[in-house]
């Protein structure tokens, strides 16, 4: 399962309604996570490294649009406090 990271432009963000999505924030930390549903998120602040169960490492930060597929098991390492808009599908 792959984590997708792209740099959207303002039009793409507006078309998706990202600014109306809830915001989640967390301090620098490490934790395991499992996605029961597909999550899309837009990173407002911070720097994160995610390692999937099969060892793939993905880094993302401010300005990135990230999609986590349903069924993904991974480990999060928040290197700089993160704030993101998020949406579950």
N, C-alpha and C. Protein backbone atom coordinates (compact mmCIF):
# COMPACT_ATOMS: atom_id res chain seq x y z
N UNK A 1 0.84 -1.19 0.00
CA UNK A 1 0.00 0.00 0.00
C UNK A 1 0.88 1.24 0.00
N UNK A 2 0.58 2.14 -0.90
CA UNK A 2 1.40 3.33 -1.03
C UNK A 2 0.71 4.57 -0.49
N UNK A 3 1.50 5.41 0.15
CA UNK A 3 1.06 6.73 0.61
C UNK A 3 1.37 7.69 -0.53
N UNK A 4 0.38 8.48 -0.93
CA UNK A 4 0.56 9.44 -2.02
C UNK A 4 0.83 10.83 -1.45
N UNK A 5 1.86 11.51 -1.99
CA UNK A 5 2.18 12.88 -1.58
C UNK A 5 2.30 13.74 -2.84
N UNK A 6 1.47 14.79 -2.93
CA UNK A 6 1.51 15.71 -4.07
C UNK A 6 1.48 17.15 -3.56
N UNK A 7 1.89 18.07 -4.43
CA UNK A 7 1.85 19.51 -4.12
C UNK A 7 0.70 20.13 -4.93
N UNK A 8 -0.46 20.31 -4.30
CA UNK A 8 -1.60 20.86 -5.04
C UNK A 8 -1.49 22.38 -5.19
N UNK A 9 -2.19 22.90 -6.21
CA UNK A 9 -2.26 24.36 -6.32
C UNK A 9 -3.54 24.84 -5.64
N UNK A 10 -3.71 26.14 -5.54
CA UNK A 10 -4.87 26.72 -4.83
C UNK A 10 -6.20 26.26 -5.43
N UNK A 11 -6.25 26.13 -6.75
CA UNK A 11 -7.49 25.70 -7.42
C UNK A 11 -7.87 24.29 -6.98
N UNK A 12 -6.89 23.38 -6.95
CA UNK A 12 -7.17 22.01 -6.53
C UNK A 12 -7.69 21.98 -5.10
N UNK A 13 -7.08 22.76 -4.21
CA UNK A 13 -7.51 22.81 -2.81
C UNK A 13 -8.94 23.33 -2.71
N UNK A 14 -9.23 24.39 -3.48
CA UNK A 14 -10.57 24.97 -3.46
C UNK A 14 -11.60 23.99 -4.02
N UNK A 15 -11.26 23.31 -5.13
CA UNK A 15 -12.17 22.35 -5.75
C UNK A 15 -12.51 21.20 -4.80
N UNK A 16 -11.57 20.81 -3.96
CA UNK A 16 -11.79 19.72 -2.99
C UNK A 16 -12.48 20.21 -1.71
N UNK A 17 -12.53 21.53 -1.52
CA UNK A 17 -13.14 22.08 -0.31
C UNK A 17 -12.28 21.90 0.93
N UNK A 18 -10.98 21.82 0.75
CA UNK A 18 -10.04 21.53 1.84
C UNK A 18 -10.19 22.49 3.02
N UNK A 19 -10.40 23.77 2.75
CA UNK A 19 -10.47 24.75 3.85
C UNK A 19 -11.67 24.54 4.77
N UNK A 20 -12.65 23.74 4.34
CA UNK A 20 -13.81 23.46 5.20
C UNK A 20 -13.62 22.17 6.01
N UNK A 21 -12.53 21.44 5.76
CA UNK A 21 -12.27 20.21 6.50
C UNK A 21 -11.81 20.54 7.91
N UNK A 22 -12.03 19.64 8.86
CA UNK A 22 -11.54 19.87 10.23
C UNK A 22 -10.01 19.94 10.27
N UNK A 23 -9.49 20.49 11.35
CA UNK A 23 -8.04 20.59 11.55
C UNK A 23 -7.63 19.70 12.72
N UNK A 24 -6.53 18.98 12.54
CA UNK A 24 -5.94 18.14 13.58
C UNK A 24 -4.52 18.64 13.80
N UNK A 25 -4.09 18.69 15.05
CA UNK A 25 -2.72 19.10 15.34
C UNK A 25 -2.13 18.21 16.42
N UNK A 26 -0.81 18.07 16.39
CA UNK A 26 -0.11 17.23 17.37
C UNK A 26 1.34 17.67 17.47
N UNK A 27 1.85 17.58 18.70
CA UNK A 27 3.24 17.93 18.97
C UNK A 27 4.17 16.84 18.44
N UNK A 28 5.47 17.14 18.44
CA UNK A 28 6.48 16.15 18.03
C UNK A 28 6.29 14.89 18.87
N UNK A 29 6.21 13.74 18.19
CA UNK A 29 5.96 12.48 18.88
C UNK A 29 6.10 11.32 17.90
N UNK A 30 6.00 10.09 18.44
CA UNK A 30 6.02 8.87 17.62
C UNK A 30 4.84 8.01 18.05
N UNK A 31 4.16 7.38 17.08
CA UNK A 31 3.05 6.49 17.40
C UNK A 31 2.72 5.61 16.19
N UNK A 32 2.11 4.46 16.47
CA UNK A 32 1.64 3.56 15.42
C UNK A 32 0.21 3.94 15.06
N UNK A 33 -0.17 3.70 13.79
CA UNK A 33 -1.51 4.05 13.35
C UNK A 33 -2.00 3.05 12.32
N UNK A 34 -3.33 2.83 12.30
CA UNK A 34 -3.97 1.99 11.29
C UNK A 34 -5.14 2.77 10.70
N UNK A 35 -5.27 2.75 9.38
CA UNK A 35 -6.33 3.49 8.69
C UNK A 35 -7.51 2.58 8.37
N UNK A 36 -8.63 2.81 9.09
CA UNK A 36 -9.87 2.07 8.84
C UNK A 36 -10.55 2.55 7.56
N UNK A 37 -10.25 3.78 7.17
CA UNK A 37 -10.79 4.40 5.96
C UNK A 37 -9.66 5.15 5.26
N UNK A 38 -9.87 5.51 4.01
CA UNK A 38 -8.90 6.33 3.28
C UNK A 38 -8.93 7.74 3.88
N UNK A 39 -7.76 8.29 4.16
CA UNK A 39 -7.67 9.66 4.66
C UNK A 39 -6.92 10.52 3.66
N UNK A 40 -7.49 11.70 3.39
CA UNK A 40 -6.81 12.74 2.62
C UNK A 40 -6.51 13.85 3.59
N UNK A 41 -5.33 14.44 3.49
CA UNK A 41 -5.03 15.57 4.36
C UNK A 41 -4.11 16.56 3.67
N UNK A 42 -4.22 17.80 4.09
CA UNK A 42 -3.38 18.88 3.57
C UNK A 42 -2.60 19.45 4.74
N UNK A 43 -1.28 19.39 4.64
CA UNK A 43 -0.41 19.79 5.74
C UNK A 43 -0.23 21.32 5.78
N UNK A 44 -0.65 21.92 6.88
CA UNK A 44 -0.55 23.37 7.07
C UNK A 44 0.79 23.76 7.70
N UNK A 45 1.28 22.92 8.61
CA UNK A 45 2.54 23.17 9.32
C UNK A 45 3.15 21.83 9.70
N UNK A 46 4.47 21.83 9.85
CA UNK A 46 5.13 20.67 10.42
C UNK A 46 5.91 19.84 9.43
N UNK A 47 6.50 18.78 10.00
CA UNK A 47 7.31 17.85 9.23
C UNK A 47 7.09 16.46 9.82
N UNK A 48 6.78 15.49 8.94
CA UNK A 48 6.41 14.14 9.39
C UNK A 48 7.13 13.10 8.54
N UNK A 49 7.48 11.99 9.20
CA UNK A 49 7.99 10.82 8.49
C UNK A 49 7.10 9.64 8.88
N UNK A 50 6.60 8.93 7.88
CA UNK A 50 5.76 7.76 8.09
C UNK A 50 6.50 6.56 7.51
N UNK A 51 6.51 5.46 8.27
CA UNK A 51 7.09 4.21 7.79
C UNK A 51 5.98 3.17 7.77
N UNK A 52 5.74 2.60 6.58
CA UNK A 52 4.69 1.60 6.45
C UNK A 52 5.18 0.25 6.99
N UNK A 53 4.24 -0.65 7.22
CA UNK A 53 4.57 -1.96 7.78
C UNK A 53 5.58 -2.71 6.91
N UNK A 54 5.56 -2.46 5.60
CA UNK A 54 6.50 -3.13 4.71
C UNK A 54 7.82 -2.36 4.54
N UNK A 55 8.02 -1.33 5.38
CA UNK A 55 9.31 -0.64 5.42
C UNK A 55 9.47 0.56 4.52
N UNK A 56 8.42 0.96 3.79
CA UNK A 56 8.52 2.15 2.93
C UNK A 56 8.47 3.40 3.79
N UNK A 57 9.42 4.31 3.54
CA UNK A 57 9.51 5.55 4.29
C UNK A 57 9.00 6.70 3.43
N UNK A 58 8.08 7.51 3.98
CA UNK A 58 7.51 8.65 3.26
C UNK A 58 7.64 9.89 4.16
N UNK A 59 8.20 10.96 3.59
CA UNK A 59 8.32 12.21 4.34
C UNK A 59 7.45 13.27 3.69
N UNK A 60 6.83 14.10 4.52
CA UNK A 60 6.00 15.18 3.98
C UNK A 60 5.94 16.32 4.99
N UNK A 61 5.50 17.48 4.50
CA UNK A 61 5.43 18.66 5.36
C UNK A 61 4.53 19.73 4.75
N UNK A 62 4.71 20.94 5.23
CA UNK A 62 3.88 22.07 4.83
C UNK A 62 3.70 22.14 3.32
N UNK A 63 2.41 22.25 2.91
CA UNK A 63 2.09 22.39 1.49
C UNK A 63 1.84 21.08 0.77
N UNK A 64 2.01 19.95 1.46
CA UNK A 64 1.79 18.65 0.83
C UNK A 64 0.35 18.17 1.04
N UNK A 65 -0.19 17.51 0.01
CA UNK A 65 -1.49 16.85 0.09
C UNK A 65 -1.19 15.36 0.12
N UNK A 66 -1.59 14.71 1.21
CA UNK A 66 -1.22 13.31 1.44
C UNK A 66 -2.47 12.44 1.48
N UNK A 67 -2.40 11.28 0.82
CA UNK A 67 -3.49 10.32 0.86
C UNK A 67 -2.98 9.01 1.44
N UNK A 68 -3.66 8.55 2.51
CA UNK A 68 -3.34 7.29 3.17
C UNK A 68 -4.45 6.30 2.81
N UNK A 69 -4.09 5.15 2.19
CA UNK A 69 -5.12 4.20 1.77
C UNK A 69 -5.74 3.43 2.93
N UNK A 70 -7.00 3.07 2.77
CA UNK A 70 -7.71 2.24 3.75
C UNK A 70 -6.92 0.94 3.94
N UNK A 71 -6.77 0.54 5.21
CA UNK A 71 -6.08 -0.71 5.52
C UNK A 71 -4.59 -0.55 5.78
N UNK A 72 -4.07 0.67 5.65
CA UNK A 72 -2.64 0.91 5.86
C UNK A 72 -2.29 0.87 7.34
N UNK A 73 -1.25 0.12 7.67
CA UNK A 73 -0.67 0.13 9.03
C UNK A 73 0.68 0.81 8.91
N UNK A 74 0.95 1.77 9.81
CA UNK A 74 2.20 2.51 9.71
C UNK A 74 2.60 3.07 11.06
N UNK A 75 3.79 3.66 11.06
CA UNK A 75 4.32 4.32 12.25
C UNK A 75 4.57 5.78 11.87
N UNK A 76 4.06 6.69 12.67
CA UNK A 76 4.25 8.12 12.46
C UNK A 76 5.38 8.63 13.35
N UNK A 77 6.24 9.48 12.79
CA UNK A 77 7.19 10.24 13.59
C UNK A 77 7.00 11.70 13.21
N UNK A 78 6.42 12.46 14.13
CA UNK A 78 6.22 13.89 13.90
C UNK A 78 7.49 14.59 14.36
N UNK A 79 8.25 15.11 13.40
CA UNK A 79 9.55 15.74 13.70
C UNK A 79 9.39 17.20 14.11
N UNK A 80 8.38 17.87 13.52
CA UNK A 80 8.03 19.25 13.89
C UNK A 80 6.51 19.28 14.03
N UNK A 81 6.01 19.89 15.10
CA UNK A 81 4.58 19.91 15.39
C UNK A 81 3.77 20.10 14.10
N UNK A 82 2.73 19.29 13.97
CA UNK A 82 1.96 19.27 12.72
C UNK A 82 0.54 19.83 12.93
N UNK A 83 0.05 20.53 11.89
CA UNK A 83 -1.35 20.96 11.78
C UNK A 83 -1.78 20.58 10.38
N UNK A 84 -2.95 19.95 10.28
CA UNK A 84 -3.43 19.52 8.96
C UNK A 84 -4.95 19.59 8.88
N UNK A 85 -5.44 19.87 7.67
CA UNK A 85 -6.84 19.66 7.34
C UNK A 85 -6.95 18.18 6.98
N UNK A 86 -8.04 17.52 7.39
CA UNK A 86 -8.17 16.10 7.06
C UNK A 86 -9.61 15.75 6.68
N UNK A 87 -9.72 14.66 5.90
CA UNK A 87 -11.02 14.19 5.44
C UNK A 87 -10.94 12.68 5.25
N UNK A 88 -11.91 11.95 5.81
CA UNK A 88 -11.97 10.51 5.62
C UNK A 88 -12.99 10.18 4.55
N UNK A 89 -12.65 9.21 3.69
CA UNK A 89 -13.55 8.80 2.61
C UNK A 89 -13.97 7.36 2.82
